Amino acid sequence: MIERVYRRASQAGASAVVVATDDERVRDVVEGFGGRALMTSERHQSGTDRLAEAIRFLEADIIVNVQADEPLIEPAMIDEAVAALGASAEVAIGTLRKAIDDNADLANPNVVKVAAAPDGRALYFSRAPIPYARDGRRTGPAWRHIGIYAYRREALLTLAALPPAPLEQTESLEQLRALEHGFIIQTRETTYDTIGVDTPEDLERVRRLMSGVS
């Protein structure tokens, strides 16, 4: 799986693709297929913290965090997340959202939702259905957050140095640390979809889908 994600990411407009890991077995697999890996501390509590350590060894102004459990990621999604940073010089993080068309996803706490302003600026992320339709009618789409992040270098380093925030800990969503500390997260609508592999059921679903995906 990690090789597929690596190769898909390499098809985007990035100048380099690097796997940050604390597991020597992962490093060996990556180097075995010709990829580049960086060993990081075992003490990190989040992907943001691990990424912040890794970029100290890299020369890059913009860093994109792609999870290794996203085998269906489209290279264009990485470029879209970077493009979200272009909305304003004040934007610290760019990420993606996709309209929810299945009410089961809206109610599923494993599907993270995002409420966004008309210009795409993220207002809040939650595992709960947001915005809540009090009278049962929606006046606009509900959005699923797709967890690909493009960071400005200094914003990432500053964010990783901050302590976990209350909302982040309550929802178990690290992007809320950025919002609680005043960082601007810009979302961009995407038509692409992806599935994170978090459970054996997810893995089987992805295998079925990949049978028709190159």
C-alpha atoms as a PDB file:
ATOM      1  CA  MET A   1       0.000   0.000   0.000  1.00  0.00           C
ATOM      2  CA  ILE A   2       2.727   2.459   0.925  1.00  0.00           C
ATOM      3  CA  GLU A   3       4.461   1.915  -2.410  1.00  0.00           C
ATOM      4  CA  ARG A   4       1.264   2.724  -4.280  1.00  0.00           C
ATOM      5  CA  VAL A   5       0.708   5.921  -2.273  1.00  0.00           C
ATOM      6  CA  TYR A   6       4.340   6.913  -2.809  1.00  0.00           C
ATOM      7  CA  ARG A   7       4.138   6.425  -6.552  1.00  0.00           C
ATOM      8  CA  ARG A   8       0.820   8.264  -6.816  1.00  0.00           C
ATOM      9  CA  ALA A   9       2.244  11.179  -4.851  1.00  0.00           C
ATOM     10  CA  SER A  10       5.279  11.217  -7.143  1.00  0.00           C
ATOM     11  CA  GLN A  11       2.958  11.959 -10.067  1.00  0.00           C
ATOM     12  CA  ALA A  12       1.907  15.281  -8.520  1.00  0.00           C
ATOM     13  CA  GLY A  13       3.831  18.532  -8.924  1.00  0.00           C
ATOM     14  CA  ALA A  14       6.036  17.980  -5.868  1.00  0.00           C
ATOM     15  CA  SER A  15       9.787  18.448  -6.129  1.00  0.00           C
ATOM     16  CA  ALA A  16      10.356  15.497  -3.774  1.00  0.00           C
ATOM     17  CA  VAL A  17       8.421  12.730  -2.031  1.00  0.00           C
ATOM     18  CA  VAL A  18       9.669  11.490   1.345  1.00  0.00           C
ATOM     19  CA  VAL A  19       8.205   8.985   3.815  1.00  0.00           C
ATOM     20  CA  ALA A  20       8.536  10.023   7.467  1.00  0.00           C
ATOM     21  CA  THR A  21       8.360   7.020   9.806  1.00  0.00           C
ATOM     22  CA  ASP A  22       9.487   5.743  13.190  1.00  0.00           C
ATOM     23  CA  ASP A  23       9.443   2.111  12.035  1.00  0.00           C
ATOM     24  CA  GLU A  24      12.552   0.586  10.509  1.00  0.00           C
ATOM     25  CA  ARG A  25      10.405  -1.976   8.699  1.00  0.00           C
ATOM     26  CA  VAL A  26       8.598   0.816   6.847  1.00  0.00           C
ATOM     27  CA  ARG A  27      11.924   2.459   6.015  1.00  0.00           C
ATOM     28  CA  ASP A  28      13.247  -0.818   4.622  1.00  0.00           C
ATOM     29  CA  VAL A  29      10.170  -1.329   2.446  1.00  0.00           C
ATOM     30  CA  VAL A  30      10.368   2.219   1.066  1.00  0.00           C
ATOM     31  CA  GLU A  31      14.068   1.992   0.310  1.00  0.00           C
ATOM     32  CA  GLY A  32      13.466  -1.455  -1.185  1.00  0.00           C
ATOM     33  CA  PHE A  33      11.309  -0.033  -3.962  1.00  0.00           C
ATOM     34  CA  GLY A  34      13.661   2.904  -4.501  1.00  0.00           C
ATOM     35  CA  GLY A  35      11.875   5.507  -2.394  1.00  0.00           C
ATOM     36  CA  ARG A  36      13.267   7.923   0.177  1.00  0.00           C
ATOM     37  CA  ALA A  37      12.499   7.589   3.880  1.00  0.00           C
ATOM     38  CA  LEU A  38      13.407   9.618   6.970  1.00  0.00           C
ATOM     39  CA  MET A  39      13.450   8.127  10.450  1.00  0.00           C
ATOM     40  CA  THR A  40      11.678  10.238  13.080  1.00  0.00           C
ATOM     41  CA  SER A  41      11.028  10.014  16.806  1.00  0.00           C
ATOM     42  CA  GLU A  42       8.692   7.424  18.302  1.00  0.00           C
ATOM     43  CA  ARG A  43       7.295  10.030  20.692  1.00  0.00           C
ATOM     44  CA  HIS A  44       5.140  11.998  18.219  1.00  0.00           C
ATOM     45  CA  GLN A  45       1.434  12.107  19.034  1.00  0.00           C
ATOM     46  CA  SER A  46       0.285  13.282  15.591  1.00  0.00           C
ATOM     47  CA  GLY A  47       1.240  13.313  11.949  1.00  0.00           C
ATOM     48  CA  THR A  48       1.737  17.075  12.146  1.00  0.00           C
ATOM     49  CA  ASP A  49       4.422  16.675  14.802  1.00  0.00           C
ATOM     50  CA  ARG A  50       6.187  13.942  12.820  1.00  0.00           C
ATOM     51  CA  LEU A  51       6.087  16.064   9.673  1.00  0.00           C
ATOM     52  CA  ALA A  52       7.542  19.048  11.489  1.00  0.00           C
ATOM     53  CA  GLU A  53      10.546  16.968  12.555  1.00  0.00           C
ATOM     54  CA  ALA A  54      11.039  15.571   9.063  1.00  0.00           C
ATOM     55  CA  ILE A  55      11.074  18.933   7.291  1.00  0.00           C
ATOM     56  CA  ARG A  56      14.036  20.098   9.339  1.00  0.00           C
ATOM     57  CA  PHE A  57      16.049  17.883   6.987  1.00  0.00           C
ATOM     58  CA  LEU A  58      14.355  19.201   3.847  1.00  0.00           C
ATOM     59  CA  GLU A  59      14.495  22.460   1.926  1.00  0.00           C
ATOM     60  CA  ALA A  60      10.906  23.308   1.044  1.00  0.00           C
ATOM     61  CA  ASP A  61       8.606  26.294   1.541  1.00  0.00           C
ATOM     62  CA  ILE A  62       5.423  24.243   1.101  1.00  0.00           C
ATOM     63  CA  ILE A  63       4.975  20.770   2.540  1.00  0.00           C
ATOM     64  CA  VAL A  64       2.069  18.436   1.809  1.00  0.00           C
ATOM     65  CA  ASN A  65       1.077  15.755   4.294  1.00  0.00           C
ATOM     66  CA  VAL A  66      -0.312  12.657   2.566  1.00  0.00           C
ATOM     67  CA  GLN A  67      -1.285   9.711   4.736  1.00  0.00           C
ATOM     68  CA  ALA A  68       0.188   6.346   3.747  1.00  0.00           C
ATOM     69  CA  ASP A  69      -3.212   4.678   4.196  1.00  0.00           C
ATOM     70  CA  GLU A  70      -4.740   6.492   1.171  1.00  0.00           C
ATOM     71  CA  PRO A  71      -4.102   4.099  -1.750  1.00  0.00           C
ATOM     72  CA  LEU A  72      -6.810   5.699  -3.919  1.00  0.00           C
ATOM     73  CA  ILE A  73      -5.376   9.207  -3.752  1.00  0.00           C
ATOM     74  CA  GLU A  74      -5.280  11.073  -7.052  1.00  0.00           C
ATOM     75  CA  PRO A  75      -2.102  13.070  -7.744  1.00  0.00           C
ATOM     76  CA  ALA A  76      -4.294  16.042  -8.697  1.00  0.00           C
ATOM     77  CA  MET A  77      -5.629  16.172  -5.132  1.00  0.00           C
ATOM     78  CA  ILE A  78      -2.158  17.058  -3.880  1.00  0.00           C
ATOM     79  CA  ASP A  79      -1.938  19.891  -6.389  1.00  0.00           C
ATOM     80  CA  GLU A  80      -5.413  21.089  -5.369  1.00  0.00           C
ATOM     81  CA  ALA A  81      -4.421  21.274  -1.697  1.00  0.00           C
ATOM     82  CA  VAL A  82      -1.380  23.369  -2.621  1.00  0.00           C
ATOM     83  CA  ALA A  83      -3.557  25.612  -4.797  1.00  0.00           C
ATOM     84  CA  ALA A  84      -5.751  26.352  -1.765  1.00  0.00           C
ATOM     85  CA  LEU A  85      -2.806  28.178  -0.206  1.00  0.00           C
ATOM     86  CA  GLY A  86      -2.987  30.663  -3.054  1.00  0.00           C
ATOM     87  CA  ALA A  87      -6.256  32.139  -1.805  1.00  0.00           C
ATOM     88  CA  SER A  88      -4.306  34.572   0.379  1.00  0.00           C
ATOM     89  CA  ALA A  89      -0.822  35.054   1.802  1.00  0.00           C
ATOM     90  CA  GLU A  90      -2.456  34.747   5.236  1.00  0.00           C
ATOM     91  CA  VAL A  91      -3.584  31.162   4.582  1.00  0.00           C
ATOM     92  CA  ALA A  92      -1.432  28.805   6.640  1.00  0.00           C
ATOM     93  CA  ILE A  93      -2.910  25.470   5.578  1.00  0.00           C
ATOM     94  CA  GLY A  94      -4.669  24.275   2.435  1.00  0.00           C
ATOM     95  CA  THR A  95      -6.914  21.228   2.397  1.00  0.00           C
ATOM     96  CA  LEU A  96      -9.830  19.656   0.509  1.00  0.00           C
ATOM     97  CA  ARG A  97     -13.554  19.136   0.925  1.00  0.00           C
ATOM     98  CA  LYS A  98     -16.090  17.092  -1.017  1.00  0.00           C
ATOM     99  CA  ALA A  99     -19.863  17.339  -0.957  1.00  0.00           C
ATOM    100  CA  ILE A 100     -21.529  14.564   1.063  1.00  0.00           C
ATOM    101  CA  ASP A 101     -24.138  12.723  -0.978  1.00  0.00           C
ATOM    102  CA  ASP A 102     -24.816   9.881   1.450  1.00  0.00           C
ATOM    103  CA  ASN A 103     -26.628  10.580   4.728  1.00  0.00           C
ATOM    104  CA  ALA A 104     -24.872   7.587   6.262  1.00  0.00           C
ATOM    105  CA  ASP A 105     -21.570   9.446   5.864  1.00  0.00           C
ATOM    106  CA  LEU A 106     -23.062  12.511   7.501  1.00  0.00           C
ATOM    107  CA  ALA A 107     -23.958  10.479  10.600  1.00  0.00           C
ATOM    108  CA  ASN A 108     -20.725   8.452  10.663  1.00  0.00           C
ATOM    109  CA  PRO A 109     -18.265   9.792  13.281  1.00  0.00           C
ATOM    110  CA  ASN A 110     -15.384   8.273  11.300  1.00  0.00           C
ATOM    111  CA  VAL A 111     -16.217  10.632   8.432  1.00  0.00           C
ATOM    112  CA  VAL A 112     -14.906  14.068   9.380  1.00  0.00           C
ATOM    113  CA  LYS A 113     -17.087  16.991   8.352  1.00  0.00           C
ATOM    114  CA  VAL A 114     -16.077  20.588   7.748  1.00  0.00           C
ATOM    115  CA  ALA A 115     -18.157  23.762   7.836  1.00  0.00           C
ATOM    116  CA  ALA A 116     -16.737  26.397   5.501  1.00  0.00           C
ATOM    117  CA  ALA A 117     -17.395  30.051   4.749  1.00  0.00           C
ATOM    118  CA  PRO A 118     -18.524  31.009   1.211  1.00  0.00           C
ATOM    119  CA  ASP A 119     -14.895  31.730   0.278  1.00  0.00           C
ATOM    120  CA  GLY A 120     -13.812  28.249   1.421  1.00  0.00           C
ATOM    121  CA  ARG A 121     -12.232  29.254   4.719  1.00  0.00           C
ATOM    122  CA  ALA A 122     -12.697  26.484   7.279  1.00  0.00           C
ATOM    123  CA  LEU A 123     -14.910  27.445  10.206  1.00  0.00           C
ATOM    124  CA  TYR A 124     -14.961  24.140  12.088  1.00  0.00           C
ATOM    125  CA  PHE A 125     -14.235  20.438  11.726  1.00  0.00           C
ATOM    126  CA  SER A 126     -16.246  17.788  13.528  1.00  0.00           C
ATOM    127  CA  ARG A 127     -17.138  14.132  13.695  1.00  0.00           C
ATOM    128  CA  ALA A 128     -20.734  15.219  14.268  1.00  0.00           C
ATOM    129  CA  PRO A 129     -23.127  16.187  11.440  1.00  0.00           C
ATOM    130  CA  ILE A 130     -22.414  19.864  10.713  1.00  0.00           C
ATOM    131  CA  PRO A 131     -24.090  22.118   9.977  1.00  0.00           C
ATOM    132  CA  TYR A 132     -27.036  20.686  11.865  1.00  0.00           C
ATOM    133  CA  ALA A 133     -30.289  21.028   9.891  1.00  0.00           C
ATOM    134  CA  ARG A 134     -32.670  21.997  12.680  1.00  0.00           C
ATOM    135  CA  ASP A 135     -35.842  21.768  10.593  1.00  0.00           C
ATOM    136  CA  GLY A 136     -34.581  18.870   8.491  1.00  0.00           C
ATOM    137  CA  ARG A 137     -33.906  21.009   5.425  1.00  0.00           C
ATOM    138  CA  ARG A 138     -30.491  21.976   4.152  1.00  0.00           C
ATOM    139  CA  THR A 139     -29.925  25.217   2.296  1.00  0.00           C
ATOM    140  CA  GLY A 140     -26.526  24.095   1.038  1.00  0.00           C
ATOM    141  CA  PRO A 141     -24.275  21.047   0.865  1.00  0.00           C
ATOM    142  CA  ALA A 142     -22.652  19.334   3.806  1.00  0.00           C
ATOM    143  CA  TRP A 143     -18.942  18.771   3.283  1.00  0.00           C
ATOM    144  CA  ARG A 144     -16.678  15.847   4.021  1.00  0.00           C
ATOM    145  CA  HIS A 145     -13.127  16.772   4.889  1.00  0.00           C
ATOM    146  CA  ILE A 146     -10.437  14.997   2.911  1.00  0.00           C
ATOM    147  CA  GLY A 147      -7.345  14.897   5.089  1.00  0.00           C
ATOM    148  CA  ILE A 148      -4.633  16.103   2.745  1.00  0.00           C
ATOM    149  CA  TYR A 149      -2.829  19.169   4.119  1.00  0.00           C
ATOM    150  CA  ALA A 150      -0.545  21.663   2.403  1.00  0.00           C
ATOM    151  CA  TYR A 151       1.404  23.727   4.952  1.00  0.00           C
ATOM    152  CA  ARG A 152       3.527  26.803   4.701  1.00  0.00           C
ATOM    153  CA  ARG A 153       6.814  25.813   6.326  1.00  0.00           C
ATOM    154  CA  GLU A 154       6.828  28.344   9.171  1.00  0.00           C
ATOM    155  CA  ALA A 155       3.166  27.698   9.954  1.00  0.00           C
ATOM    156  CA  LEU A 156       3.857  23.974  10.307  1.00  0.00           C
ATOM    157  CA  LEU A 157       6.823  24.503  12.609  1.00  0.00           C
ATOM    158  CA  THR A 158       4.864  26.960  14.764  1.00  0.00           C
ATOM    159  CA  LEU A 159       1.817  24.702  14.927  1.00  0.00           C
ATOM    160  CA  ALA A 160       3.817  21.641  15.937  1.00  0.00           C
ATOM    161  CA  ALA A 161       5.395  23.589  18.799  1.00  0.00           C
ATOM    162  CA  LEU A 162       1.985  24.414  20.296  1.00  0.00           C
ATOM    163  CA  PRO A 163       0.370  22.182  22.929  1.00  0.00           C
ATOM    164  CA  PRO A 164      -2.743  20.148  22.071  1.00  0.00           C
ATOM    165  CA  ALA A 165      -5.872  22.293  22.371  1.00  0.00           C
ATOM    166  CA  PRO A 166      -9.188  21.445  24.106  1.00  0.00           C
ATOM    167  CA  LEU A 167     -11.304  21.129  20.958  1.00  0.00           C
ATOM    168  CA  GLU A 168      -8.593  19.036  19.322  1.00  0.00           C
ATOM    169  CA  GLN A 169      -8.582  16.680  22.280  1.00  0.00           C
ATOM    170  CA  THR A 170     -12.373  16.510  22.503  1.00  0.00           C
ATOM    171  CA  GLU A 171     -12.933  15.639  18.838  1.00  0.00           C
ATOM    172  CA  SER A 172      -9.563  13.897  18.353  1.00  0.00           C
ATOM    173  CA  LEU A 173      -8.943  16.070  15.287  1.00  0.00           C
ATOM    174  CA  GLU A 174      -5.532  17.699  15.140  1.00  0.00           C
ATOM    175  CA  GLN A 175      -6.628  20.352  12.592  1.00  0.00           C
ATOM    176  CA  LEU A 176      -8.662  21.944  15.366  1.00  0.00           C
ATOM    177  CA  ARG A 177      -5.410  22.916  17.075  1.00  0.00           C
ATOM    178  CA  ALA A 178      -4.741  25.206  14.108  1.00  0.00           C
ATOM    179  CA  LEU A 179      -8.190  26.800  14.259  1.00  0.00           C
ATOM    180  CA  GLU A 180      -8.062  27.248  18.038  1.00  0.00           C
ATOM    181  CA  HIS A 181      -4.760  29.101  17.698  1.00  0.00           C
ATOM    182  CA  GLY A 182      -5.988  31.376  14.912  1.00  0.00           C
ATOM    183  CA  PHE A 183      -4.426  29.775  11.848  1.00  0.00           C
ATOM    184  CA  ILE A 184      -6.394  30.179   8.619  1.00  0.00           C
ATOM    185  CA  ILE A 185      -7.228  26.882   6.934  1.00  0.00           C
ATOM    186  CA  GLN A 186      -8.447  27.273   3.364  1.00  0.00           C
ATOM    187  CA  THR A 187     -10.508  24.467   1.866  1.00  0.00           C
ATOM    188  CA  ARG A 188     -10.907  23.770  -1.826  1.00  0.00           C
ATOM    189  CA  GLU A 189     -13.711  21.689  -3.300  1.00  0.00           C
ATOM    190  CA  THR A 190     -12.593  18.553  -5.095  1.00  0.00           C
ATOM    191  CA  THR A 191     -14.491  16.131  -7.285  1.00  0.00           C
ATOM    192  CA  TYR A 192     -12.067  13.334  -6.463  1.00  0.00           C
ATOM    193  CA  ASP A 193     -12.658  10.861  -3.679  1.00  0.00           C
ATOM    194  CA  THR A 194     -10.455   8.626  -1.593  1.00  0.00           C
ATOM    195  CA  ILE A 195     -10.809   6.080   1.184  1.00  0.00           C
ATOM    196  CA  GLY A 196      -8.526   5.905   4.194  1.00  0.00           C
ATOM    197  CA  VAL A 197      -7.765   2.346   5.268  1.00  0.00           C
ATOM    198  CA  ASP A 198      -8.477   2.308   9.005  1.00  0.00           C
ATOM    199  CA  THR A 199     -10.192  -1.065   9.394  1.00  0.00           C
ATOM    200  CA  PRO A 200     -10.157  -4.529   7.745  1.00  0.00           C
ATOM    201  CA  GLU A 201     -13.491  -3.579   6.165  1.00  0.00           C
ATOM    202  CA  ASP A 202     -11.901  -0.489   4.620  1.00  0.00           C
ATOM    203  CA  LEU A 203      -9.120  -2.644   3.211  1.00  0.00           C
ATOM    204  CA  GLU A 204     -11.559  -5.036   1.563  1.00  0.00           C
ATOM    205  CA  ARG A 205     -13.538  -2.125   0.120  1.00  0.00           C
ATOM    206  CA  VAL A 206     -10.383  -0.605  -1.356  1.00  0.00           C
ATOM    207  CA  ARG A 207      -9.298  -3.943  -2.791  1.00  0.00           C
ATOM    208  CA  ARG A 208     -12.639  -4.257  -4.567  1.00  0.00           C
ATOM    209  CA  LEU A 209     -12.365  -0.752  -5.956  1.00  0.00           C
ATOM    210  CA  MET A 210      -8.745  -1.211  -7.004  1.00  0.00           C
ATOM    211  CA  SER A 211      -9.666  -4.226  -9.071  1.00  0.00           C
ATOM    212  CA  GLY A 212     -10.920  -1.672 -11.574  1.00  0.00           C
ATOM    213  CA  VAL A 213      -8.270   1.007 -10.857  1.00  0.00           C
ATOM    214  CA  SER A 214      -4.867   1.057 -12.481  1.00  0.00           C
END
